[in-house]
mmCIF file of all heavy atoms, coordinates in Angstrom:
data_MODEL
# 
_entry.id   MODEL 
# 
loop_
_atom_site.group_PDB 
_atom_site.id 
_atom_site.type_symbol 
_atom_site.label_atom_id 
_atom_site.label_alt_id 
_atom_site.label_comp_id 
_atom_site.label_asym_id 
_atom_site.label_entity_id 
_atom_site.label_seq_id 
_atom_site.pdbx_PDB_ins_code 
_atom_site.Cartn_x 
_atom_site.Cartn_y 
_atom_site.Cartn_z 
_atom_site.occupancy 
_atom_site.B_iso_or_equiv 
_atom_site.pdbx_formal_charge 
_atom_site.auth_seq_id 
_atom_site.auth_comp_id 
_atom_site.auth_asym_id 
_atom_site.auth_atom_id 
_atom_site.pdbx_PDB_model_num 
ATOM 1   N N   . SER A 1 1  ? 51.057 -14.422 -2.659  1.00 0.00 ? 1  SER A N   1 
ATOM 2   C CA  . SER A 1 1  ? 50.564 -14.322 -4.033  1.00 0.00 ? 1  SER A CA  1 
ATOM 3   C C   . SER A 1 1  ? 49.401 -15.291 -4.140  1.00 0.00 ? 1  SER A C   1 
ATOM 4   O O   . SER A 1 1  ? 49.562 -16.486 -3.871  1.00 0.00 ? 1  SER A O   1 
ATOM 5   C CB  . SER A 1 1  ? 51.666 -14.686 -5.031  1.00 0.00 ? 1  SER A CB  1 
ATOM 6   O OG  . SER A 1 1  ? 52.739 -13.773 -4.939  1.00 0.00 ? 1  SER A OG  1 
ATOM 7   N N   . ALA A 1 2  ? 48.220 -14.784 -4.499  1.00 0.00 ? 2  ALA A N   1 
ATOM 8   C CA  . ALA A 1 2  ? 47.011 -15.606 -4.504  1.00 0.00 ? 2  ALA A CA  1 
ATOM 9   C C   . ALA A 1 2  ? 46.327 -15.562 -5.863  1.00 0.00 ? 2  ALA A C   1 
ATOM 10  O O   . ALA A 1 2  ? 46.423 -14.564 -6.588  1.00 0.00 ? 2  ALA A O   1 
ATOM 11  C CB  . ALA A 1 2  ? 46.045 -15.114 -3.433  1.00 0.00 ? 2  ALA A CB  1 
ATOM 12  N N   . PRO A 1 3  ? 45.624 -16.639 -6.227  1.00 0.00 ? 3  PRO A N   1 
ATOM 13  C CA  . PRO A 1 3  ? 44.849 -16.638 -7.487  1.00 0.00 ? 3  PRO A CA  1 
ATOM 14  C C   . PRO A 1 3  ? 43.808 -15.522 -7.486  1.00 0.00 ? 3  PRO A C   1 
ATOM 15  O O   . PRO A 1 3  ? 43.244 -15.184 -6.437  1.00 0.00 ? 3  PRO A O   1 
ATOM 16  C CB  . PRO A 1 3  ? 44.185 -18.022 -7.475  1.00 0.00 ? 3  PRO A CB  1 
ATOM 17  C CG  . PRO A 1 3  ? 45.042 -18.859 -6.592  1.00 0.00 ? 3  PRO A CG  1 
ATOM 18  C CD  . PRO A 1 3  ? 45.540 -17.931 -5.527  1.00 0.00 ? 3  PRO A CD  1 
ATOM 19  N N   . GLN A 1 4  ? 43.576 -14.946 -8.626  1.00 0.00 ? 4  GLN A N   1 
ATOM 20  C CA  . GLN A 1 4  ? 42.648 -13.816 -8.730  1.00 0.00 ? 4  GLN A CA  1 
ATOM 21  C C   . GLN A 1 4  ? 41.245 -14.180 -8.271  1.00 0.00 ? 4  GLN A C   1 
ATOM 22  O O   . GLN A 1 4  ? 40.500 -13.331 -7.770  1.00 0.00 ? 4  GLN A O   1 
ATOM 23  C CB  . GLN A 1 4  ? 42.615 -13.312 -10.177 1.00 0.00 ? 4  GLN A CB  1 
ATOM 24  C CG  . GLN A 1 4  ? 43.922 -12.674 -10.617 1.00 0.00 ? 4  GLN A CG  1 
ATOM 25  C CD  . GLN A 1 4  ? 43.940 -12.310 -12.082 1.00 0.00 ? 4  GLN A CD  1 
ATOM 26  O OE1 . GLN A 1 4  ? 43.108 -12.802 -12.853 1.00 0.00 ? 4  GLN A OE1 1 
ATOM 27  N NE2 . GLN A 1 4  ? 44.881 -11.468 -12.483 1.00 0.00 ? 4  GLN A NE2 1 
ATOM 28  N N   . ARG A 1 5  ? 40.877 -15.440 -8.421  1.00 0.00 ? 5  ARG A N   1 
ATOM 29  C CA  . ARG A 1 5  ? 39.523 -15.870 -8.050  1.00 0.00 ? 5  ARG A CA  1 
ATOM 30  C C   . ARG A 1 5  ? 39.352 -16.024 -6.537  1.00 0.00 ? 5  ARG A C   1 
ATOM 31  O O   . ARG A 1 5  ? 38.231 -16.165 -6.047  1.00 0.00 ? 5  ARG A O   1 
ATOM 32  C CB  . ARG A 1 5  ? 39.202 -17.210 -8.712  1.00 0.00 ? 5  ARG A CB  1 
ATOM 33  C CG  . ARG A 1 5  ? 40.049 -18.359 -8.189  1.00 0.00 ? 5  ARG A CG  1 
ATOM 34  C CD  . ARG A 1 5  ? 39.751 -19.672 -8.872  1.00 0.00 ? 5  ARG A CD  1 
ATOM 35  N NE  . ARG A 1 5  ? 40.525 -20.768 -8.303  1.00 0.00 ? 5  ARG A NE  1 
ATOM 36  C CZ  . ARG A 1 5  ? 41.776 -21.048 -8.611  1.00 0.00 ? 5  ARG A CZ  1 
ATOM 37  N NH1 . ARG A 1 5  ? 42.408 -20.277 -9.492  1.00 0.00 ? 5  ARG A NH1 1 
ATOM 38  N NH2 . ARG A 1 5  ? 42.401 -22.065 -8.050  1.00 0.00 ? 5  ARG A NH2 1 
ATOM 39  N N   . MET A 1 6  ? 40.437 -16.003 -5.767  1.00 0.00 ? 6  MET A N   1 
ATOM 40  C CA  . MET A 1 6  ? 40.383 -16.293 -4.341  1.00 0.00 ? 6  MET A CA  1 
ATOM 41  C C   . MET A 1 6  ? 39.891 -15.079 -3.557  1.00 0.00 ? 6  MET A C   1 
ATOM 42  O O   . MET A 1 6  ? 40.432 -13.975 -3.682  1.00 0.00 ? 6  MET A O   1 
ATOM 43  C CB  . MET A 1 6  ? 41.762 -16.715 -3.849  1.00 0.00 ? 6  MET A CB  1 
ATOM 44  C CG  . MET A 1 6  ? 41.774 -17.354 -2.480  1.00 0.00 ? 6  MET A CG  1 
ATOM 45  S SD  . MET A 1 6  ? 43.420 -18.061 -2.138  1.00 0.00 ? 6  MET A SD  1 
ATOM 46  C CE  . MET A 1 6  ? 43.135 -18.747 -0.501  1.00 0.00 ? 6  MET A CE  1 
ATOM 47  N N   . GLU A 1 7  ? 38.878 -15.258 -2.732  1.00 0.00 ? 7  GLU A N   1 
ATOM 48  C CA  . GLU A 1 7  ? 38.328 -14.168 -1.938  1.00 0.00 ? 7  GLU A CA  1 
ATOM 49  C C   . GLU A 1 7  ? 39.306 -13.758 -0.832  1.00 0.00 ? 7  GLU A C   1 
ATOM 50  O O   . GLU A 1 7  ? 40.050 -14.577 -0.305  1.00 0.00 ? 7  GLU A O   1 
ATOM 51  C CB  . GLU A 1 7  ? 37.001 -14.594 -1.305  1.00 0.00 ? 7  GLU A CB  1 
ATOM 52  C CG  . GLU A 1 7  ? 35.907 -14.919 -2.309  1.00 0.00 ? 7  GLU A CG  1 
ATOM 53  C CD  . GLU A 1 7  ? 35.410 -13.684 -3.045  1.00 0.00 ? 7  GLU A CD  1 
ATOM 54  O OE1 . GLU A 1 7  ? 35.598 -12.562 -2.496  1.00 0.00 ? 7  GLU A OE1 1 
ATOM 55  O OE2 . GLU A 1 7  ? 34.856 -13.828 -4.151  1.00 0.00 ? 7  GLU A OE2 1 
ATOM 56  N N   . ILE A 1 8  ? 39.258 -12.481 -0.460  1.00 0.00 ? 8  ILE A N   1 
ATOM 57  C CA  . ILE A 1 8  ? 40.191 -11.957 0.535   1.00 0.00 ? 8  ILE A CA  1 
ATOM 58  C C   . ILE A 1 8  ? 40.003 -12.632 1.888   1.00 0.00 ? 8  ILE A C   1 
ATOM 59  O O   . ILE A 1 8  ? 40.974 -12.842 2.631   1.00 0.00 ? 8  ILE A O   1 
ATOM 60  C CB  . ILE A 1 8  ? 40.047 -10.420 0.671   1.00 0.00 ? 8  ILE A CB  1 
ATOM 61  C CG1 . ILE A 1 8  ? 41.213 -9.850  1.483   1.00 0.00 ? 8  ILE A CG1 1 
ATOM 62  C CG2 . ILE A 1 8  ? 38.701 -10.055 1.261   1.00 0.00 ? 8  ILE A CG2 1 
ATOM 63  C CD1 . ILE A 1 8  ? 42.553 -9.978  0.826   1.00 0.00 ? 8  ILE A CD1 1 
ATOM 64  N N   . GLU A 1 9  ? 38.772 -13.022 2.219   1.00 0.00 ? 9  GLU A N   1 
ATOM 65  C CA  . GLU A 1 9  ? 38.546 -13.674 3.504   1.00 0.00 ? 9  GLU A CA  1 
ATOM 66  C C   . GLU A 1 9  ? 39.183 -15.063 3.531   1.00 0.00 ? 9  GLU A C   1 
ATOM 67  O O   . GLU A 1 9  ? 39.706 -15.498 4.560   1.00 0.00 ? 9  GLU A O   1 
ATOM 68  C CB  . GLU A 1 9  ? 37.045 -13.782 3.795   1.00 0.00 ? 9  GLU A CB  1 
ATOM 69  C CG  . GLU A 1 9  ? 36.724 -14.251 5.205   1.00 0.00 ? 9  GLU A CG  1 
ATOM 70  C CD  . GLU A 1 9  ? 37.330 -13.355 6.275   1.00 0.00 ? 9  GLU A CD  1 
ATOM 71  O OE1 . GLU A 1 9  ? 37.462 -12.123 6.054   1.00 0.00 ? 9  GLU A OE1 1 
ATOM 72  O OE2 . GLU A 1 9  ? 37.682 -13.883 7.365   1.00 0.00 ? 9  GLU A OE2 1 
ATOM 73  N N   . ALA A 1 10 ? 39.160 -15.746 2.396   1.00 0.00 ? 10 ALA A N   1 
ATOM 74  C CA  . ALA A 1 10 ? 39.810 -17.054 2.300   1.00 0.00 ? 10 ALA A CA  1 
ATOM 75  C C   . ALA A 1 10 ? 41.326 -16.904 2.438   1.00 0.00 ? 10 ALA A C   1 
ATOM 76  O O   . ALA A 1 10 ? 41.992 -17.741 3.056   1.00 0.00 ? 10 ALA A O   1 
ATOM 77  C CB  . ALA A 1 10 ? 39.457 -17.722 0.974   1.00 0.00 ? 10 ALA A CB  1 
ATOM 78  N N   . ILE A 1 11 ? 41.853 -15.809 1.878   1.00 0.00 ? 11 ILE A N   1 
ATOM 79  C CA  . ILE A 1 11 ? 43.289 -15.544 1.991   1.00 0.00 ? 11 ILE A CA  1 
ATOM 80  C C   . ILE A 1 11 ? 43.639 -15.248 3.450   1.00 0.00 ? 11 ILE A C   1 
ATOM 81  O O   . ILE A 1 11 ? 44.660 -15.703 3.970   1.00 0.00 ? 11 ILE A O   1 
ATOM 82  C CB  . ILE A 1 11 ? 43.691 -14.366 1.083   1.00 0.00 ? 11 ILE A CB  1 
ATOM 83  C CG1 . ILE A 1 11 ? 43.421 -14.715 -0.390  1.00 0.00 ? 11 ILE A CG1 1 
ATOM 84  C CG2 . ILE A 1 11 ? 45.165 -14.020 1.284   1.00 0.00 ? 11 ILE A CG2 1 
ATOM 85  C CD1 . ILE A 1 11 ? 43.621 -13.551 -1.338  1.00 0.00 ? 11 ILE A CD1 1 
ATOM 86  N N   . ARG A 1 12 ? 42.775 -14.489 4.127   1.00 0.00 ? 12 ARG A N   1 
ATOM 87  C CA  . ARG A 1 12 ? 42.995 -14.171 5.538   1.00 0.00 ? 12 ARG A CA  1 
ATOM 88  C C   . ARG A 1 12 ? 43.045 -15.450 6.379   1.00 0.00 ? 12 ARG A C   1 
ATOM 89  O O   . ARG A 1 12 ? 43.936 -15.630 7.218   1.00 0.00 ? 12 ARG A O   1 
ATOM 90  C CB  . ARG A 1 12 ? 41.902 -13.247 6.062   1.00 0.00 ? 12 ARG A CB  1 
ATOM 91  C CG  . ARG A 1 12 ? 42.042 -12.887 7.547   1.00 0.00 ? 12 ARG A CG  1 
ATOM 92  C CD  . ARG A 1 12 ? 40.839 -12.102 8.032   1.00 0.00 ? 12 ARG A CD  1 
ATOM 93  N NE  . ARG A 1 12 ? 40.735 -10.830 7.361   1.00 0.00 ? 12 ARG A NE  1 
ATOM 94  C CZ  . ARG A 1 12 ? 41.384 -9.726  7.752   1.00 0.00 ? 12 ARG A CZ  1 
ATOM 95  N NH1 . ARG A 1 12 ? 42.177 -9.768  8.823   1.00 0.00 ? 12 ARG A NH1 1 
ATOM 96  N NH2 . ARG A 1 12 ? 41.233 -8.599  7.094   1.00 0.00 ? 12 ARG A NH2 1 
ATOM 97  N N   . LEU A 1 13 ? 42.098 -16.358 6.153   1.00 0.00 ? 13 LEU A N   1 
ATOM 98  C CA  . LEU A 1 13 ? 42.066 -17.619 6.904   1.00 0.00 ? 13 LEU A CA  1 
ATOM 99  C C   . LEU A 1 13 ? 43.307 -18.457 6.623   1.00 0.00 ? 13 LEU A C   1 
ATOM 100 O O   . LEU A 1 13 ? 43.869 -19.088 7.525   1.00 0.00 ? 13 LEU A O   1 
ATOM 101 C CB  . LEU A 1 13 ? 40.800 -18.406 6.547   1.00 0.00 ? 13 LEU A CB  1 
ATOM 102 C CG  . LEU A 1 13 ? 39.473 -17.789 7.027   1.00 0.00 ? 13 LEU A CG  1 
ATOM 103 C CD1 . LEU A 1 13 ? 38.293 -18.578 6.483   1.00 0.00 ? 13 LEU A CD1 1 
ATOM 104 C CD2 . LEU A 1 13 ? 39.426 -17.743 8.555   1.00 0.00 ? 13 LEU A CD2 1 
ATOM 105 N N   . TYR A 1 14 ? 43.758 -18.430 5.372   1.00 0.00 ? 14 TYR A N   1 
ATOM 106 C CA  . TYR A 1 14 ? 44.978 -19.153 5.010   1.00 0.00 ? 14 TYR A CA  1 
ATOM 107 C C   . TYR A 1 14 ? 46.180 -18.576 5.770   1.00 0.00 ? 14 TYR A C   1 
ATOM 108 O O   . TYR A 1 14 ? 46.996 -19.307 6.336   1.00 0.00 ? 14 TYR A O   1 
ATOM 109 C CB  . TYR A 1 14 ? 45.218 -19.068 3.503   1.00 0.00 ? 14 TYR A CB  1 
ATOM 110 C CG  . TYR A 1 14 ? 46.565 -19.594 3.068   1.00 0.00 ? 14 TYR A CG  1 
ATOM 111 C CD1 . TYR A 1 14 ? 46.781 -20.950 2.869   1.00 0.00 ? 14 TYR A CD1 1 
ATOM 112 C CD2 . TYR A 1 14 ? 47.637 -18.718 2.864   1.00 0.00 ? 14 TYR A CD2 1 
ATOM 113 C CE1 . TYR A 1 14 ? 48.018 -21.432 2.488   1.00 0.00 ? 14 TYR A CE1 1 
ATOM 114 C CE2 . TYR A 1 14 ? 48.876 -19.184 2.474   1.00 0.00 ? 14 TYR A CE2 1 
ATOM 115 C CZ  . TYR A 1 14 ? 49.062 -20.545 2.287   1.00 0.00 ? 14 TYR A CZ  1 
ATOM 116 O OH  . TYR A 1 14 ? 50.296 -21.016 1.911   1.00 0.00 ? 14 TYR A OH  1 
ATOM 117 N N   . ALA A 1 15 ? 46.277 -17.237 5.795   1.00 0.00 ? 15 ALA A N   1 
ATOM 118 C CA  . ALA A 1 15 ? 47.397 -16.579 6.476   1.00 0.00 ? 15 ALA A CA  1 
ATOM 119 C C   . ALA A 1 15 ? 47.375 -16.882 7.968   1.00 0.00 ? 15 ALA A C   1 
ATOM 120 O O   . ALA A 1 15 ? 48.425 -17.131 8.576   1.00 0.00 ? 15 ALA A O   1 
ATOM 121 C CB  . ALA A 1 15 ? 47.345 -15.073 6.233   1.00 0.00 ? 15 ALA A CB  1 
ATOM 122 N N   . ILE A 1 16 ? 46.176 -16.871 8.564   1.00 0.00 ? 16 ILE A N   1 
ATOM 123 C CA  . ILE A 1 16 ? 46.055 -17.175 9.993   1.00 0.00 ? 16 ILE A CA  1 
ATOM 124 C C   . ILE A 1 16 ? 46.539 -18.592 10.285  1.00 0.00 ? 16 ILE A C   1 
ATOM 125 O O   . ILE A 1 16 ? 47.223 -18.839 11.289  1.00 0.00 ? 16 ILE A O   1 
ATOM 126 C CB  . ILE A 1 16 ? 44.596 -16.993 10.459  1.00 0.00 ? 16 ILE A CB  1 
ATOM 127 C CG1 . ILE A 1 16 ? 44.226 -15.506 10.436  1.00 0.00 ? 16 ILE A CG1 1 
ATOM 128 C CG2 . ILE A 1 16 ? 44.390 -17.572 11.859  1.00 0.00 ? 16 ILE A CG2 1 
ATOM 129 C CD1 . ILE A 1 16 ? 42.767 -15.229 10.710  1.00 0.00 ? 16 ILE A CD1 1 
ATOM 130 N N   . SER A 1 17 ? 46.239 -19.521 9.391   1.00 0.00 ? 17 SER A N   1 
ATOM 131 C CA  . SER A 1 17 ? 46.658 -20.909 9.590   1.00 0.00 ? 17 SER A CA  1 
ATOM 132 C C   . SER A 1 17 ? 48.172 -21.073 9.510   1.00 0.00 ? 17 SER A C   1 
ATOM 133 O O   . SER A 1 17 ? 48.723 -22.072 9.993   1.00 0.00 ? 17 SER A O   1 
ATOM 134 C CB  . SER A 1 17 ? 45.989 -21.816 8.552   1.00 0.00 ? 17 SER A CB  1 
ATOM 135 O OG  . SER A 1 17 ? 46.557 -21.636 7.258   1.00 0.00 ? 17 SER A OG  1 
ATOM 136 N N   . LYS A 1 18 ? 48.840 -20.084 8.911   1.00 0.00 ? 18 LYS A N   1 
ATOM 137 C CA  . LYS A 1 18 ? 50.292 -20.155 8.736   1.00 0.00 ? 18 LYS A CA  1 
ATOM 138 C C   . LYS A 1 18 ? 51.043 -19.228 9.690   1.00 0.00 ? 18 LYS A C   1 
ATOM 139 O O   . LYS A 1 18 ? 52.266 -19.058 9.557   1.00 0.00 ? 18 LYS A O   1 
ATOM 140 C CB  . LYS A 1 18 ? 50.657 -19.787 7.287   1.00 0.00 ? 18 LYS A CB  1 
ATOM 141 C CG  . LYS A 1 18 ? 50.076 -20.715 6.230   1.00 0.00 ? 18 LYS A CG  1 
ATOM 142 C CD  . LYS A 1 18 ? 50.685 -22.096 6.316   1.00 0.00 ? 18 LYS A CD  1 
ATOM 143 C CE  . LYS A 1 18 ? 50.175 -22.987 5.183   1.00 0.00 ? 18 LYS A CE  1 
ATOM 144 N NZ  . LYS A 1 18 ? 50.764 -24.363 5.264   1.00 0.00 ? 18 LYS A NZ  1 
ATOM 145 N N   . LEU A 1 19 ? 50.347 -18.632 10.661  1.00 0.00 ? 19 LEU A N   1 
ATOM 146 C CA  . LEU A 1 19 ? 50.989 -17.646 11.537  1.00 0.00 ? 19 LEU A CA  1 
ATOM 147 C C   . LEU A 1 19 ? 52.171 -18.224 12.306  1.00 0.00 ? 19 LEU A C   1 
ATOM 148 O O   . LEU A 1 19 ? 53.196 -17.555 12.488  1.00 0.00 ? 19 LEU A O   1 
ATOM 149 C CB  . LEU A 1 19 ? 49.962 -17.073 12.526  1.00 0.00 ? 19 LEU A CB  1 
ATOM 150 C CG  . LEU A 1 19 ? 49.141 -15.880 12.021  1.00 0.00 ? 19 LEU A CG  1 
ATOM 151 C CD1 . LEU A 1 19 ? 48.119 -15.464 13.054  1.00 0.00 ? 19 LEU A CD1 1 
ATOM 152 C CD2 . LEU A 1 19 ? 50.058 -14.716 11.659  1.00 0.00 ? 19 LEU A CD2 1 
ATOM 153 N N   . GLY A 1 20 ? 52.047 -19.455 12.782  1.00 0.00 ? 20 GLY A N   1 
ATOM 154 C CA  . GLY A 1 20 ? 53.158 -20.076 13.504  1.00 0.00 ? 20 GLY A CA  1 
ATOM 155 C C   . GLY A 1 20 ? 54.392 -20.178 12.646  1.00 0.00 ? 20 GLY A C   1 
ATOM 156 O O   . GLY A 1 20 ? 55.511 -19.842 13.075  1.00 0.00 ? 20 GLY A O   1 
ATOM 157 N N   . TRP A 1 21 ? 54.225 -20.617 11.408  1.00 0.00 ? 21 TRP A N   1 
ATOM 158 C CA  . TRP A 1 21 ? 55.342 -20.747 10.453  1.00 0.00 ? 21 TRP A CA  1 
ATOM 159 C C   . TRP A 1 21 ? 55.933 -19.379 10.147  1.00 0.00 ? 21 TRP A C   1 
ATOM 160 O O   . TRP A 1 21 ? 57.157 -19.213 10.087  1.00 0.00 ? 21 TRP A O   1 
ATOM 161 C CB  . TRP A 1 21 ? 54.826 -21.414 9.188   1.00 0.00 ? 21 TRP A CB  1 
ATOM 162 C CG  . TRP A 1 21 ? 55.874 -21.667 8.144   1.00 0.00 ? 21 TRP A CG  1 
ATOM 163 C CD1 . TRP A 1 21 ? 56.664 -22.770 8.022   1.00 0.00 ? 21 TRP A CD1 1 
ATOM 164 C CD2 . TRP A 1 21 ? 56.244 -20.787 7.065   1.00 0.00 ? 21 TRP A CD2 1 
ATOM 165 N NE1 . TRP A 1 21 ? 57.498 -22.638 6.933   1.00 0.00 ? 21 TRP A NE1 1 
ATOM 166 C CE2 . TRP A 1 21 ? 57.262 -21.426 6.330   1.00 0.00 ? 21 TRP A CE2 1 
ATOM 167 C CE3 . TRP A 1 21 ? 55.812 -19.530 6.652   1.00 0.00 ? 21 TRP A CE3 1 
ATOM 168 C CZ2 . TRP A 1 21 ? 57.845 -20.862 5.214   1.00 0.00 ? 21 TRP A CZ2 1 
ATOM 169 C CZ3 . TRP A 1 21 ? 56.403 -18.949 5.537   1.00 0.00 ? 21 TRP A CZ3 1 
ATOM 170 C CH2 . TRP A 1 21 ? 57.406 -19.615 4.838   1.00 0.00 ? 21 TRP A CH2 1 
ATOM 171 N N   . ILE A 1 22 ? 55.069 -18.379 9.954   1.00 0.00 ? 22 ILE A N   1 
ATOM 172 C CA  . ILE A 1 22 ? 55.521 -17.023 9.641   1.00 0.00 ? 22 ILE A CA  1 
ATOM 173 C C   . ILE A 1 22 ? 56.376 -16.457 10.772  1.00 0.00 ? 22 ILE A C   1 
ATOM 174 O O   . ILE A 1 22 ? 57.484 -15.947 10.559  1.00 0.00 ? 22 ILE A O   1 
ATOM 175 C CB  . ILE A 1 22 ? 54.323 -16.093 9.373   1.00 0.00 ? 22 ILE A CB  1 
ATOM 176 C CG1 . ILE A 1 22 ? 53.639 -16.471 8.058   1.00 0.00 ? 22 ILE A CG1 1 
ATOM 177 C CG2 . ILE A 1 22 ? 54.769 -14.628 9.340   1.00 0.00 ? 22 ILE A CG2 1 
ATOM 178 C CD1 . ILE A 1 22 ? 52.315 -15.759 7.835   1.00 0.00 ? 22 ILE A CD1 1 
ATOM 179 N N   . LYS A 1 23 ? 55.889 -16.568 12.014  1.00 0.00 ? 23 LYS A N   1 
ATOM 180 C CA  . LYS A 1 23 ? 56.605 -16.003 13.162  1.00 0.00 ? 23 LYS A CA  1 
ATOM 181 C C   . LYS A 1 23 ? 57.936 -16.717 13.390  1.00 0.00 ? 23 LYS A C   1 
ATOM 182 O O   . LYS A 1 23 ? 58.927 -16.089 13.788  1.00 0.00 ? 23 LYS A O   1 
ATOM 183 C CB  . LYS A 1 23 ? 55.725 -16.084 14.402  1.00 0.00 ? 23 LYS A CB  1 
ATOM 184 C CG  . LYS A 1 23 ? 54.531 -15.133 14.364  1.00 0.00 ? 23 LYS A CG  1 
ATOM 185 C CD  . LYS A 1 23 ? 53.693 -15.234 15.615  1.00 0.00 ? 23 LYS A CD  1 
ATOM 186 C CE  . LYS A 1 23 ? 52.522 -14.257 15.578  1.00 0.00 ? 23 LYS A CE  1 
ATOM 187 N NZ  . LYS A 1 23 ? 51.677 -14.334 16.796  1.00 0.00 ? 23 LYS A NZ  1 
ATOM 188 N N   . GLU A 1 24 ? 57.959 -18.021 13.151  1.00 0.00 ? 24 GLU A N   1 
ATOM 189 C CA  . GLU A 1 24 ? 59.212 -18.775 13.307  1.00 0.00 ? 24 GLU A CA  1 
ATOM 190 C C   . GLU A 1 24 ? 60.274 -18.257 12.354  1.00 0.00 ? 24 GLU A C   1 
ATOM 191 O O   . GLU A 1 24 ? 61.435 -18.048 12.734  1.00 0.00 ? 24 GLU A O   1 
ATOM 192 C CB  . GLU A 1 24 ? 58.953 -20.256 13.044  1.00 0.00 ? 24 GLU A CB  1 
ATOM 193 C CG  . GLU A 1 24 ? 60.208 -21.125 13.128  1.00 0.00 ? 24 GLU A CG  1 
ATOM 194 C CD  . GLU A 1 24 ? 59.941 -22.579 12.759  1.00 0.00 ? 24 GLU A CD  1 
ATOM 195 O OE1 . GLU A 1 24 ? 58.750 -22.958 12.663  1.00 0.00 ? 24 GLU A OE1 1 
ATOM 196 O OE2 . GLU A 1 24 ? 60.918 -23.320 12.568  1.00 0.00 ? 24 GLU A OE2 1 
# 
């Protein structure tokens, strides 16, 4: 869930930074 002002590319970079946590 992301703020409406947040660009999709910024959300993508955020998700990539959390991939280890997600997979765990």
